């Protein structure tokens, strides 16, 4: 198995990147959030897994071994292949998936492209003892996630969407909608608020755009 690749990023797209390794450009399938974190010309190291089919060899890459392991575990569920497993990790982080499965939250799982009610029930049943507990179940997001500084997520998410192929107008509208939704959920009684991470907001915006 190809466990990781390390090299210079040659190209980033919505669903894959190309990394030069030893003079060879390897196409690696990724989630949009992973593509956002990489820049052409920069050095990158991705945890990877190779999926072998009769007519194809596809390399999937992730920013962490934890996400790669979750991708592999998801495919152990009957009826779940690489496409849906990637859709799951494009919609939620590995830790969010652990929390959702632990809560038996079928509604959240049906937000994943390709997952219906029966598929959600199957995921909960078959993943209960495989994904393990969330890193920080009380927080609802990975404990390692660092908050963005000073509310600057809007500009970074807007640039990320444009980099992933959406028009500037579409990106602006999507960010505006997400900003309104975030403000609606912000306490008005002076309670402390944890600033969302760029990755959190990008995932929220992508989920919203997929439902349009």
N, C-alpha and C. Protein backbone atom coordinates (compact mmCIF):
# COMPACT_ATOMS: atom_id res chain seq x y z
N UNK A 1 0.83 -1.20 0.00
CA UNK A 1 0.00 0.00 0.00
C UNK A 1 0.87 1.25 0.00
N UNK A 2 0.46 2.26 -0.74
CA UNK A 2 1.15 3.54 -0.72
C UNK A 2 0.59 4.33 0.46
N UNK A 3 1.34 4.41 1.54
CA UNK A 3 0.84 5.00 2.78
C UNK A 3 0.92 6.52 2.80
N UNK A 4 1.80 7.10 2.00
CA UNK A 4 1.92 8.55 1.98
C UNK A 4 2.68 8.98 0.73
N UNK A 5 2.48 10.23 0.35
CA UNK A 5 3.25 10.84 -0.73
C UNK A 5 3.74 12.20 -0.24
N UNK A 6 4.91 12.59 -0.67
CA UNK A 6 5.49 13.85 -0.25
C UNK A 6 6.19 14.48 -1.44
N UNK A 7 5.87 15.73 -1.73
CA UNK A 7 6.51 16.38 -2.86
C UNK A 7 5.92 17.75 -3.12
N UNK A 8 6.23 18.30 -4.29
CA UNK A 8 5.76 19.63 -4.66
C UNK A 8 4.39 19.57 -5.31
N UNK A 9 3.51 20.45 -4.87
CA UNK A 9 2.16 20.52 -5.44
C UNK A 9 2.23 21.21 -6.80
N UNK A 10 1.81 20.50 -7.82
CA UNK A 10 1.83 21.06 -9.18
C UNK A 10 0.49 21.66 -9.57
N UNK A 11 -0.60 21.10 -9.04
CA UNK A 11 -1.93 21.52 -9.46
C UNK A 11 -2.93 21.18 -8.37
N UNK A 12 -3.91 22.06 -8.16
CA UNK A 12 -5.00 21.77 -7.23
C UNK A 12 -6.33 21.97 -7.95
N UNK A 13 -7.23 21.02 -7.78
CA UNK A 13 -8.58 21.08 -8.33
C UNK A 13 -9.57 20.79 -7.21
N UNK A 14 -10.86 20.86 -7.56
CA UNK A 14 -11.89 20.64 -6.55
C UNK A 14 -11.82 19.25 -5.94
N UNK A 15 -11.50 18.25 -6.76
CA UNK A 15 -11.54 16.87 -6.28
C UNK A 15 -10.21 16.13 -6.34
N UNK A 16 -9.13 16.82 -6.72
CA UNK A 16 -7.83 16.16 -6.75
C UNK A 16 -6.69 17.17 -6.80
N UNK A 17 -5.52 16.69 -6.48
CA UNK A 17 -4.30 17.49 -6.63
C UNK A 17 -3.28 16.65 -7.38
N UNK A 18 -2.29 17.32 -7.94
CA UNK A 18 -1.17 16.62 -8.57
C UNK A 18 0.09 16.98 -7.81
N UNK A 19 0.78 15.95 -7.33
CA UNK A 19 2.01 16.15 -6.55
C UNK A 19 3.17 15.49 -7.27
N UNK A 20 4.24 16.24 -7.42
CA UNK A 20 5.43 15.70 -8.07
C UNK A 20 6.27 14.92 -7.06
N UNK A 21 6.46 13.64 -7.35
CA UNK A 21 7.24 12.78 -6.48
C UNK A 21 8.31 12.09 -7.33
N UNK A 22 9.56 12.42 -7.09
CA UNK A 22 10.64 11.81 -7.86
C UNK A 22 10.55 12.06 -9.35
N UNK A 23 10.09 13.25 -9.73
CA UNK A 23 9.98 13.59 -11.14
C UNK A 23 8.71 13.11 -11.80
N UNK A 24 7.84 12.45 -11.05
CA UNK A 24 6.58 11.93 -11.59
C UNK A 24 5.41 12.68 -10.93
N UNK A 25 4.46 13.15 -11.74
CA UNK A 25 3.29 13.82 -11.20
C UNK A 25 2.20 12.83 -10.85
N UNK A 26 1.91 12.68 -9.57
CA UNK A 26 0.89 11.74 -9.12
C UNK A 26 -0.43 12.48 -8.90
N UNK A 27 -1.50 12.00 -9.53
CA UNK A 27 -2.82 12.57 -9.29
C UNK A 27 -3.42 11.90 -8.06
N UNK A 28 -3.78 12.72 -7.09
CA UNK A 28 -4.31 12.20 -5.82
C UNK A 28 -5.71 12.77 -5.61
N UNK A 29 -6.70 11.91 -5.48
CA UNK A 29 -8.06 12.35 -5.21
C UNK A 29 -8.16 12.86 -3.78
N UNK A 30 -8.81 14.02 -3.61
CA UNK A 30 -8.91 14.65 -2.29
C UNK A 30 -10.30 15.24 -2.09
N UNK A 31 -10.60 15.64 -0.86
CA UNK A 31 -11.81 16.40 -0.59
C UNK A 31 -11.52 17.87 -0.90
N UNK A 32 -12.57 18.69 -1.14
CA UNK A 32 -12.35 20.11 -1.39
C UNK A 32 -11.57 20.80 -0.27
N UNK A 33 -11.85 20.43 0.98
CA UNK A 33 -11.16 21.05 2.11
C UNK A 33 -9.66 20.77 2.08
N UNK A 34 -9.28 19.58 1.63
CA UNK A 34 -7.86 19.26 1.51
C UNK A 34 -7.22 20.11 0.43
N UNK A 35 -7.91 20.23 -0.71
CA UNK A 35 -7.38 21.04 -1.80
C UNK A 35 -7.16 22.48 -1.39
N UNK A 36 -8.03 23.00 -0.52
CA UNK A 36 -7.92 24.38 -0.06
C UNK A 36 -6.63 24.60 0.73
N UNK A 37 -6.21 23.59 1.47
CA UNK A 37 -5.03 23.72 2.32
C UNK A 37 -3.73 23.68 1.53
N UNK A 38 -3.78 23.25 0.27
CA UNK A 38 -2.56 23.09 -0.53
C UNK A 38 -2.46 24.21 -1.56
N UNK A 39 -1.25 24.61 -1.87
CA UNK A 39 -1.00 25.66 -2.84
C UNK A 39 0.00 25.18 -3.88
N UNK A 40 -0.24 25.53 -5.14
CA UNK A 40 0.70 25.16 -6.20
C UNK A 40 2.08 25.72 -5.89
N UNK A 41 3.08 24.88 -6.03
CA UNK A 41 4.45 25.30 -5.75
C UNK A 41 4.92 25.03 -4.34
N UNK A 42 3.97 24.71 -3.46
CA UNK A 42 4.35 24.43 -2.06
C UNK A 42 4.64 22.94 -1.88
N UNK A 43 5.27 22.63 -0.77
CA UNK A 43 5.56 21.22 -0.46
C UNK A 43 4.40 20.66 0.36
N UNK A 44 4.03 19.42 0.09
CA UNK A 44 2.92 18.80 0.81
C UNK A 44 3.23 17.34 1.10
N UNK A 45 2.67 16.86 2.20
CA UNK A 45 2.76 15.45 2.54
C UNK A 45 1.34 14.99 2.86
N UNK A 46 0.85 13.99 2.13
CA UNK A 46 -0.49 13.48 2.34
C UNK A 46 -0.44 12.02 2.75
N UNK A 47 -1.29 11.65 3.70
CA UNK A 47 -1.49 10.25 4.02
C UNK A 47 -2.39 9.69 2.93
N UNK A 48 -2.04 8.54 2.39
CA UNK A 48 -2.76 8.04 1.21
C UNK A 48 -3.16 6.58 1.34
N UNK A 49 -4.07 6.20 0.46
CA UNK A 49 -4.45 4.80 0.31
C UNK A 49 -4.79 4.57 -1.15
N UNK A 50 -4.39 3.44 -1.68
CA UNK A 50 -4.61 3.11 -3.08
C UNK A 50 -5.81 2.17 -3.20
N UNK A 51 -6.79 2.58 -3.99
CA UNK A 51 -7.97 1.76 -4.23
C UNK A 51 -7.81 1.11 -5.60
N UNK A 52 -7.83 -0.21 -5.63
CA UNK A 52 -7.60 -0.96 -6.86
C UNK A 52 -8.92 -1.50 -7.39
N UNK A 53 -9.22 -1.20 -8.63
CA UNK A 53 -10.38 -1.73 -9.32
C UNK A 53 -9.91 -2.41 -10.60
N UNK A 54 -10.78 -3.18 -11.21
CA UNK A 54 -10.40 -3.89 -12.44
C UNK A 54 -9.93 -2.94 -13.52
N UNK A 55 -10.56 -1.76 -13.58
CA UNK A 55 -10.24 -0.83 -14.66
C UNK A 55 -9.54 0.44 -14.20
N UNK A 56 -9.12 0.49 -12.93
CA UNK A 56 -8.49 1.72 -12.46
C UNK A 56 -7.67 1.50 -11.19
N UNK A 57 -6.71 2.40 -11.00
CA UNK A 57 -5.94 2.50 -9.77
C UNK A 57 -6.07 3.95 -9.32
N UNK A 58 -6.72 4.17 -8.18
CA UNK A 58 -6.96 5.54 -7.72
C UNK A 58 -6.31 5.76 -6.37
N UNK A 59 -5.50 6.81 -6.29
CA UNK A 59 -4.82 7.16 -5.05
C UNK A 59 -5.61 8.26 -4.35
N UNK A 60 -5.98 8.02 -3.10
CA UNK A 60 -6.74 9.00 -2.32
C UNK A 60 -5.83 9.57 -1.24
N UNK A 61 -5.87 10.88 -1.09
CA UNK A 61 -4.97 11.53 -0.14
C UNK A 61 -5.68 12.37 0.90
N UNK A 62 -5.09 12.44 2.10
CA UNK A 62 -5.69 13.15 3.23
C UNK A 62 -4.62 13.89 4.01
N UNK A 63 -5.03 14.96 4.67
CA UNK A 63 -4.08 15.76 5.44
C UNK A 63 -3.59 15.04 6.68
N UNK A 64 -4.35 14.04 7.14
CA UNK A 64 -3.95 13.30 8.34
C UNK A 64 -4.20 11.81 8.17
N UNK A 65 -3.45 11.03 8.90
CA UNK A 65 -3.65 9.58 8.88
C UNK A 65 -5.01 9.23 9.48
N UNK A 66 -5.51 10.08 10.38
CA UNK A 66 -6.81 9.84 11.00
C UNK A 66 -7.92 9.87 9.95
N UNK A 67 -7.88 10.86 9.06
CA UNK A 67 -8.88 10.94 8.00
C UNK A 67 -8.74 9.77 7.03
N UNK A 68 -7.51 9.39 6.72
CA UNK A 68 -7.31 8.25 5.83
C UNK A 68 -7.88 6.98 6.45
N UNK A 69 -7.64 6.80 7.74
CA UNK A 69 -8.16 5.60 8.41
C UNK A 69 -9.68 5.59 8.41
N UNK A 70 -10.29 6.77 8.62
CA UNK A 70 -11.75 6.87 8.60
C UNK A 70 -12.27 6.53 7.21
N UNK A 71 -11.58 6.97 6.18
CA UNK A 71 -11.96 6.66 4.79
C UNK A 71 -11.97 5.15 4.57
N UNK A 72 -10.97 4.47 5.08
CA UNK A 72 -10.89 3.02 4.92
C UNK A 72 -11.98 2.31 5.72
N UNK A 73 -12.22 2.79 6.93
CA UNK A 73 -13.24 2.17 7.78
C UNK A 73 -14.64 2.35 7.18
N UNK A 74 -14.90 3.53 6.64
CA UNK A 74 -16.21 3.78 6.03
C UNK A 74 -16.52 2.77 4.93
N UNK A 75 -15.50 2.37 4.18
CA UNK A 75 -15.72 1.44 3.08
C UNK A 75 -15.97 0.01 3.55
N UNK A 76 -15.80 -0.22 4.83
CA UNK A 76 -16.10 -1.55 5.36
C UNK A 76 -17.60 -1.75 5.53
N UNK A 77 -18.37 -0.67 5.42
CA UNK A 77 -19.82 -0.74 5.54
C UNK A 77 -20.38 -1.20 4.20
N UNK A 78 -21.29 -2.14 4.23
CA UNK A 78 -21.87 -2.66 3.00
C UNK A 78 -22.55 -1.54 2.21
N UNK A 79 -22.24 -1.48 0.93
CA UNK A 79 -22.84 -0.48 0.07
C UNK A 79 -22.10 0.84 0.02
N UNK A 80 -21.02 0.97 0.80
CA UNK A 80 -20.25 2.22 0.83
C UNK A 80 -18.92 2.01 0.09
N UNK A 81 -18.74 2.74 -0.99
CA UNK A 81 -17.50 2.68 -1.75
C UNK A 81 -16.70 3.95 -1.58
N UNK A 82 -15.62 4.09 -2.35
CA UNK A 82 -14.76 5.28 -2.23
C UNK A 82 -15.49 6.59 -2.45
N UNK A 83 -16.41 6.62 -3.43
CA UNK A 83 -17.10 7.89 -3.75
C UNK A 83 -17.89 8.40 -2.55
N UNK A 84 -18.68 7.53 -1.93
CA UNK A 84 -19.49 7.96 -0.79
C UNK A 84 -18.61 8.22 0.43
N UNK A 85 -17.56 7.43 0.60
CA UNK A 85 -16.65 7.65 1.72
C UNK A 85 -15.99 9.03 1.61
N UNK A 86 -15.62 9.42 0.40
CA UNK A 86 -15.04 10.75 0.20
C UNK A 86 -16.09 11.83 0.42
N UNK A 87 -17.32 11.58 0.00
CA UNK A 87 -18.40 12.54 0.22
C UNK A 87 -18.63 12.75 1.71
N UNK A 88 -18.52 11.67 2.48
CA UNK A 88 -18.69 11.77 3.93
C UNK A 88 -17.63 12.65 4.55
N UNK A 89 -16.38 12.49 4.10
CA UNK A 89 -15.28 13.27 4.66
C UNK A 89 -15.22 14.68 4.09
N UNK A 90 -15.92 14.90 2.98
CA UNK A 90 -16.05 16.26 2.45
C UNK A 90 -17.11 17.03 3.24
N UNK A 91 -18.06 16.30 3.81
CA UNK A 91 -19.15 16.91 4.55
C UNK A 91 -18.81 17.08 6.02
N UNK A 92 -18.15 16.09 6.60
CA UNK A 92 -17.79 16.12 8.02
C UNK A 92 -16.34 15.69 8.20
N UNK A 93 -15.73 16.18 9.26
CA UNK A 93 -14.40 15.70 9.62
C UNK A 93 -14.54 14.30 10.22
N UNK A 94 -13.42 13.60 10.33
CA UNK A 94 -13.46 12.26 10.92
C UNK A 94 -14.01 12.31 12.35
N UNK A 95 -13.65 13.35 13.09
CA UNK A 95 -14.11 13.43 14.48
C UNK A 95 -15.60 13.76 14.55
N UNK A 96 -16.07 14.58 13.61
CA UNK A 96 -17.51 14.86 13.58
C UNK A 96 -18.29 13.60 13.25
N UNK A 97 -17.76 12.79 12.35
CA UNK A 97 -18.42 11.52 12.02
C UNK A 97 -18.49 10.61 13.24
N UNK A 98 -17.42 10.56 14.03
CA UNK A 98 -17.44 9.75 15.25
C UNK A 98 -18.54 10.22 16.19
N UNK A 99 -18.64 11.54 16.33
CA UNK A 99 -19.65 12.09 17.23
C UNK A 99 -21.06 11.81 16.71
N UNK A 100 -21.26 11.94 15.40
CA UNK A 100 -22.57 11.69 14.80
C UNK A 100 -22.99 10.24 14.98
N UNK A 101 -22.05 9.33 14.72
CA UNK A 101 -22.35 7.90 14.88
C UNK A 101 -22.62 7.57 16.35
N UNK A 102 -21.84 8.17 17.24
CA UNK A 102 -22.03 7.92 18.67
C UNK A 102 -23.40 8.39 19.14
N UNK A 103 -23.90 9.49 18.54
CA UNK A 103 -25.21 10.03 18.91
C UNK A 103 -26.35 9.34 18.16
N UNK A 104 -25.98 8.48 17.21
CA UNK A 104 -26.97 7.82 16.33
C UNK A 104 -27.83 8.85 15.62
N UNK A 105 -27.13 9.86 15.08
CA UNK A 105 -27.79 11.00 14.45
C UNK A 105 -28.01 10.71 12.96
N UNK A 106 -29.12 10.06 12.64
CA UNK A 106 -29.42 9.70 11.26
C UNK A 106 -29.59 10.93 10.37
N UNK A 107 -30.20 11.97 10.90
CA UNK A 107 -30.48 13.17 10.10
C UNK A 107 -29.19 13.79 9.57
N UNK A 108 -28.16 13.84 10.39
CA UNK A 108 -26.89 14.42 9.95
C UNK A 108 -26.24 13.56 8.88
N UNK A 109 -26.34 12.25 9.01
CA UNK A 109 -25.73 11.36 8.03
C UNK A 109 -26.42 11.45 6.67
N UNK A 110 -27.72 11.73 6.66
CA UNK A 110 -28.43 11.82 5.38
C UNK A 110 -28.06 13.08 4.61
N UNK A 111 -27.32 13.99 5.22
CA UNK A 111 -26.83 15.17 4.51
C UNK A 111 -25.65 14.84 3.61
N UNK A 112 -25.09 13.64 3.78
CA UNK A 112 -23.98 13.20 2.94
C UNK A 112 -24.54 12.76 1.59
N UNK A 113 -23.94 13.24 0.52
CA UNK A 113 -24.38 12.87 -0.82
C UNK A 113 -24.31 11.36 -1.01
N UNK A 114 -25.44 10.75 -1.41
CA UNK A 114 -25.47 9.31 -1.65
C UNK A 114 -25.95 8.50 -0.47
N UNK A 115 -26.23 9.16 0.67
CA UNK A 115 -26.68 8.45 1.87
C UNK A 115 -28.14 8.79 2.15
N UNK A 116 -29.00 7.77 2.15
CA UNK A 116 -30.40 7.95 2.51
C UNK A 116 -30.63 7.44 3.93
N UNK A 117 -31.89 7.33 4.31
CA UNK A 117 -32.23 6.91 5.67
C UNK A 117 -31.70 5.51 5.97
N UNK A 118 -31.90 4.57 5.05
CA UNK A 118 -31.42 3.22 5.28
C UNK A 118 -29.89 3.17 5.34
N UNK A 119 -29.25 3.95 4.47
CA UNK A 119 -27.79 4.00 4.50
C UNK A 119 -27.28 4.57 5.81
N UNK A 120 -27.97 5.59 6.32
CA UNK A 120 -27.58 6.19 7.60
C UNK A 120 -27.70 5.17 8.73
N UNK A 121 -28.79 4.42 8.71
CA UNK A 121 -28.99 3.39 9.74
C UNK A 121 -27.90 2.33 9.66
N UNK A 122 -27.52 1.98 8.43
CA UNK A 122 -26.48 0.97 8.24
C UNK A 122 -25.13 1.48 8.74
N UNK A 123 -24.84 2.74 8.48
CA UNK A 123 -23.59 3.33 8.95
C UNK A 123 -23.51 3.30 10.48
N UNK A 124 -24.60 3.69 11.12
CA UNK A 124 -24.62 3.71 12.58
C UNK A 124 -24.44 2.31 13.15
N UNK A 125 -25.12 1.35 12.55
CA UNK A 125 -25.06 -0.03 13.04
C UNK A 125 -23.67 -0.63 12.86
N UNK A 126 -23.10 -0.45 11.66
CA UNK A 126 -21.85 -1.13 11.35
C UNK A 126 -20.60 -0.37 11.81
N UNK A 127 -20.74 0.93 12.09
CA UNK A 127 -19.57 1.72 12.49
C UNK A 127 -19.48 1.94 14.00
N UNK A 128 -20.50 1.52 14.71
CA UNK A 128 -20.56 1.80 16.15
C UNK A 128 -19.28 1.42 16.88
N UNK A 129 -18.70 0.27 16.54
CA UNK A 129 -17.51 -0.21 17.25
C UNK A 129 -16.23 -0.08 16.43
N UNK A 130 -16.32 0.63 15.29
CA UNK A 130 -15.15 0.73 14.42
C UNK A 130 -14.49 2.11 14.43
N UNK A 131 -15.31 3.17 14.40
CA UNK A 131 -14.74 4.52 14.34
C UNK A 131 -14.14 4.96 15.67
N UNK A 132 -14.69 4.43 16.76
CA UNK A 132 -14.22 4.83 18.07
C UNK A 132 -14.88 6.12 18.53
N UNK A 133 -14.62 6.55 19.77
CA UNK A 133 -15.25 7.75 20.31
C UNK A 133 -14.62 9.00 19.72
N UNK A 134 -15.38 10.12 19.67
CA UNK A 134 -14.81 11.38 19.17
C UNK A 134 -13.72 11.88 20.09
N UNK A 135 -12.80 12.63 19.52
CA UNK A 135 -11.70 13.18 20.31
C UNK A 135 -12.22 14.09 21.39
N UNK A 136 -13.24 14.89 21.05
CA UNK A 136 -13.83 15.81 22.02
C UNK A 136 -15.32 15.91 21.73
N UNK A 137 -16.07 14.94 22.22
CA UNK A 137 -17.49 14.85 21.89
C UNK A 137 -18.28 16.06 22.36
N UNK A 138 -17.84 16.67 23.46
CA UNK A 138 -18.61 17.79 23.98
C UNK A 138 -18.50 19.02 23.11
N UNK A 139 -17.38 19.14 22.40
CA UNK A 139 -17.17 20.33 21.58
C UNK A 139 -17.87 20.22 20.24
N UNK A 140 -17.99 18.98 19.72
CA UNK A 140 -18.65 18.82 18.44
C UNK A 140 -17.75 19.05 17.25
N UNK A 141 -16.44 19.29 17.51
CA UNK A 141 -15.50 19.42 16.41
C UNK A 141 -14.17 18.93 16.93
N UNK A 142 -13.21 18.58 16.06
CA UNK A 142 -11.95 18.02 16.50
C UNK A 142 -11.25 18.90 17.51
N UNK A 143 -10.74 18.28 18.58
CA UNK A 143 -10.06 19.04 19.61
C UNK A 143 -8.83 19.73 19.07
N UNK A 144 -8.23 19.19 17.99
CA UNK A 144 -7.02 19.78 17.45
C UNK A 144 -7.28 20.99 16.57
N UNK A 145 -8.57 21.23 16.22
CA UNK A 145 -8.87 22.34 15.33
C UNK A 145 -8.59 23.66 16.02
N UNK A 146 -7.89 24.54 15.38
CA UNK A 146 -7.56 25.82 15.96
C UNK A 146 -8.50 26.88 15.39
N UNK A 147 -9.04 27.74 16.24
CA UNK A 147 -9.96 28.75 15.75
C UNK A 147 -9.27 29.75 14.85
N UNK A 148 -10.01 30.27 13.87
CA UNK A 148 -9.45 31.32 13.03
C UNK A 148 -9.36 32.59 13.85
N UNK A 149 -8.55 33.54 13.43
CA UNK A 149 -8.27 34.72 14.22
C UNK A 149 -9.04 35.91 13.67
N UNK A 150 -9.74 36.60 14.58
CA UNK A 150 -10.33 37.86 14.21
C UNK A 150 -11.43 37.78 13.17
N UNK A 151 -12.09 36.66 13.02
CA UNK A 151 -13.20 36.58 12.08
C UNK A 151 -12.80 36.69 10.63
N UNK A 152 -11.62 36.22 10.27
CA UNK A 152 -11.14 36.37 8.91
C UNK A 152 -11.52 35.20 8.01
N UNK A 153 -12.42 34.34 8.47
CA UNK A 153 -12.76 33.16 7.68
C UNK A 153 -13.45 33.53 6.37
N UNK A 154 -14.17 34.65 6.35
CA UNK A 154 -14.93 35.00 5.15
C UNK A 154 -14.04 35.10 3.91
N UNK A 155 -12.98 35.87 4.01
CA UNK A 155 -12.10 36.07 2.87
C UNK A 155 -11.42 34.79 2.43
N UNK A 156 -10.98 33.98 3.41
CA UNK A 156 -10.29 32.74 3.07
C UNK A 156 -11.23 31.73 2.42
N UNK A 157 -12.45 31.64 2.93
CA UNK A 157 -13.42 30.72 2.33
C UNK A 157 -13.80 31.19 0.93
N UNK A 158 -13.97 32.50 0.77
CA UNK A 158 -14.31 33.05 -0.55
C UNK A 158 -13.21 32.71 -1.57
N UNK A 159 -11.96 32.90 -1.17
CA UNK A 159 -10.84 32.59 -2.07
C UNK A 159 -10.78 31.09 -2.35
N UNK A 160 -11.07 30.29 -1.34
CA UNK A 160 -11.03 28.84 -1.52
C UNK A 160 -12.07 28.38 -2.54
N UNK A 161 -13.27 28.94 -2.44
CA UNK A 161 -14.33 28.56 -3.37
C UNK A 161 -13.97 28.94 -4.80
N UNK A 162 -13.41 30.11 -4.97
CA UNK A 162 -13.00 30.54 -6.31
C UNK A 162 -11.90 29.63 -6.83
N UNK A 163 -10.98 29.25 -5.93
CA UNK A 163 -9.90 28.35 -6.32
C UNK A 163 -10.40 26.97 -6.70
N UNK A 164 -11.57 26.59 -6.15
CA UNK A 164 -12.15 25.28 -6.44
C UNK A 164 -13.08 25.30 -7.66
N UNK A 165 -13.19 26.48 -8.30
CA UNK A 165 -13.92 26.51 -9.56
C UNK A 165 -15.22 27.30 -9.58
N UNK A 166 -15.69 27.80 -8.41
CA UNK A 166 -16.90 28.60 -8.42
C UNK A 166 -16.59 30.02 -8.84
N UNK A 167 -17.59 30.72 -9.38
CA UNK A 167 -17.39 32.11 -9.79
C UNK A 167 -17.30 33.00 -8.56
N UNK A 168 -16.77 34.20 -8.76
CA UNK A 168 -16.64 35.14 -7.65
C UNK A 168 -18.02 35.49 -7.07
N UNK A 169 -19.02 35.61 -7.95
CA UNK A 169 -20.37 35.93 -7.49
C UNK A 169 -20.94 34.79 -6.66
N UNK A 170 -20.78 33.55 -7.13
CA UNK A 170 -21.29 32.40 -6.39
C UNK A 170 -20.61 32.29 -5.03
N UNK A 171 -19.30 32.52 -5.01
CA UNK A 171 -18.55 32.45 -3.75
C UNK A 171 -19.02 33.53 -2.78
N UNK A 172 -19.22 34.74 -3.29
CA UNK A 172 -19.66 35.85 -2.45
C UNK A 172 -21.03 35.56 -1.84
N UNK A 173 -21.95 35.05 -2.66
CA UNK A 173 -23.30 34.75 -2.17
C UNK A 173 -23.28 33.64 -1.13
N UNK A 174 -22.47 32.60 -1.37
CA UNK A 174 -22.41 31.47 -0.44
C UNK A 174 -21.84 31.90 0.90
N UNK A 175 -20.82 32.74 0.87
CA UNK A 175 -20.22 33.23 2.12
C UNK A 175 -21.21 34.12 2.87
N UNK A 176 -21.95 34.94 2.13
CA UNK A 176 -22.94 35.82 2.77
C UNK A 176 -24.01 35.00 3.49
N UNK A 177 -24.47 33.93 2.85
CA UNK A 177 -25.48 33.07 3.46
C UNK A 177 -24.93 32.42 4.73
N UNK A 178 -23.68 31.91 4.65
CA UNK A 178 -23.07 31.26 5.82
C UNK A 178 -22.87 32.26 6.95
N UNK A 179 -22.53 33.50 6.61
CA UNK A 179 -22.32 34.52 7.63
C UNK A 179 -23.62 34.84 8.36
N UNK A 180 -24.73 34.91 7.61
CA UNK A 180 -26.04 35.15 8.22
C UNK A 180 -26.41 34.00 9.15
N UNK A 181 -26.20 32.76 8.68
CA UNK A 181 -26.52 31.58 9.49
C UNK A 181 -25.69 31.57 10.77
N UNK A 182 -24.43 31.95 10.66
CA UNK A 182 -23.57 31.97 11.85
C UNK A 182 -24.05 33.03 12.84
N UNK A 183 -24.43 34.20 12.34
CA UNK A 183 -24.89 35.28 13.22
C UNK A 183 -26.18 34.91 13.92
N UNK A 184 -27.05 34.16 13.21
CA UNK A 184 -28.31 33.73 13.83
C UNK A 184 -28.04 32.82 15.02
N UNK A 185 -26.99 32.01 14.92
CA UNK A 185 -26.67 31.07 15.99
C UNK A 185 -25.75 31.64 17.05
N UNK A 186 -25.42 32.94 16.97
CA UNK A 186 -24.51 33.55 17.94
C UNK A 186 -25.28 34.07 19.15
N UNK A 187 -24.88 33.68 20.37
CA UNK A 187 -25.57 34.15 21.57
C UNK A 187 -25.57 35.66 21.67
N UNK A 188 -26.64 36.24 22.19
CA UNK A 188 -26.72 37.70 22.35
C UNK A 188 -26.66 38.12 23.81
N UNK A 189 -26.39 37.18 24.70
CA UNK A 189 -26.40 37.49 26.13
C UNK A 189 -25.00 37.71 26.69
N UNK A 190 -24.02 37.89 25.80
CA UNK A 190 -22.67 38.14 26.27
C UNK A 190 -21.86 36.90 26.50
N UNK A 191 -22.43 35.73 26.25
CA UNK A 191 -21.69 34.48 26.46
C UNK A 191 -20.52 34.41 25.49
N UNK A 192 -19.46 33.75 25.91
CA UNK A 192 -18.28 33.62 25.07
C UNK A 192 -18.59 32.73 23.87
N UNK A 193 -18.00 33.07 22.74
CA UNK A 193 -18.24 32.35 21.51
C UNK A 193 -16.91 31.88 20.93
N UNK A 194 -16.85 30.62 20.56
CA UNK A 194 -15.65 30.09 19.92
C UNK A 194 -15.68 30.43 18.44
N UNK A 195 -14.66 31.14 17.98
CA UNK A 195 -14.60 31.53 16.57
C UNK A 195 -14.45 30.30 15.69
N UNK A 196 -15.24 30.20 14.63
CA UNK A 196 -15.16 29.01 13.78
C UNK A 196 -13.83 28.96 13.03
N UNK A 197 -13.39 27.77 12.72
CA UNK A 197 -12.19 27.62 11.90
C UNK A 197 -12.57 27.79 10.43
N UNK A 198 -11.58 28.08 9.61
CA UNK A 198 -11.81 28.21 8.18
C UNK A 198 -12.32 26.88 7.62
N UNK A 199 -11.74 25.77 8.08
CA UNK A 199 -12.18 24.45 7.60
C UNK A 199 -13.63 24.19 7.97
N UNK A 200 -14.03 24.59 9.20
CA UNK A 200 -15.42 24.42 9.63
C UNK A 200 -16.37 25.17 8.70
N UNK A 201 -16.03 26.43 8.43
CA UNK A 201 -16.90 27.27 7.63
C UNK A 201 -16.91 26.82 6.16
N UNK A 202 -15.77 26.38 5.66
CA UNK A 202 -15.73 25.89 4.28
C UNK A 202 -16.64 24.67 4.14
N UNK A 203 -16.56 23.76 5.11
CA UNK A 203 -17.42 22.57 5.07
C UNK A 203 -18.89 22.97 5.11
N UNK A 204 -19.22 23.97 5.96
CA UNK A 204 -20.61 24.42 6.05
C UNK A 204 -21.07 25.01 4.73
N UNK A 205 -20.22 25.84 4.12
CA UNK A 205 -20.59 26.48 2.85
C UNK A 205 -20.76 25.44 1.75
N UNK A 206 -19.86 24.47 1.70
CA UNK A 206 -19.95 23.42 0.67
C UNK A 206 -21.21 22.59 0.85
N UNK A 207 -21.58 22.31 2.11
CA UNK A 207 -22.82 21.57 2.35
C UNK A 207 -24.02 22.36 1.85
N UNK A 208 -24.00 23.68 2.11
CA UNK A 208 -25.08 24.52 1.66
C UNK A 208 -25.17 24.60 0.15
N UNK A 209 -24.03 24.70 -0.50
CA UNK A 209 -24.03 24.79 -1.97
C UNK A 209 -24.48 23.49 -2.61
N UNK A 210 -24.18 22.36 -1.98
CA UNK A 210 -24.58 21.07 -2.53
C UNK A 210 -26.09 20.86 -2.46
N UNK A 211 -26.76 21.60 -1.55
CA UNK A 211 -28.21 21.45 -1.42
C UNK A 211 -28.99 22.37 -2.36
N UNK A 212 -28.28 23.26 -3.07
CA UNK A 212 -28.97 24.21 -3.95
C UNK A 212 -29.32 23.56 -5.28
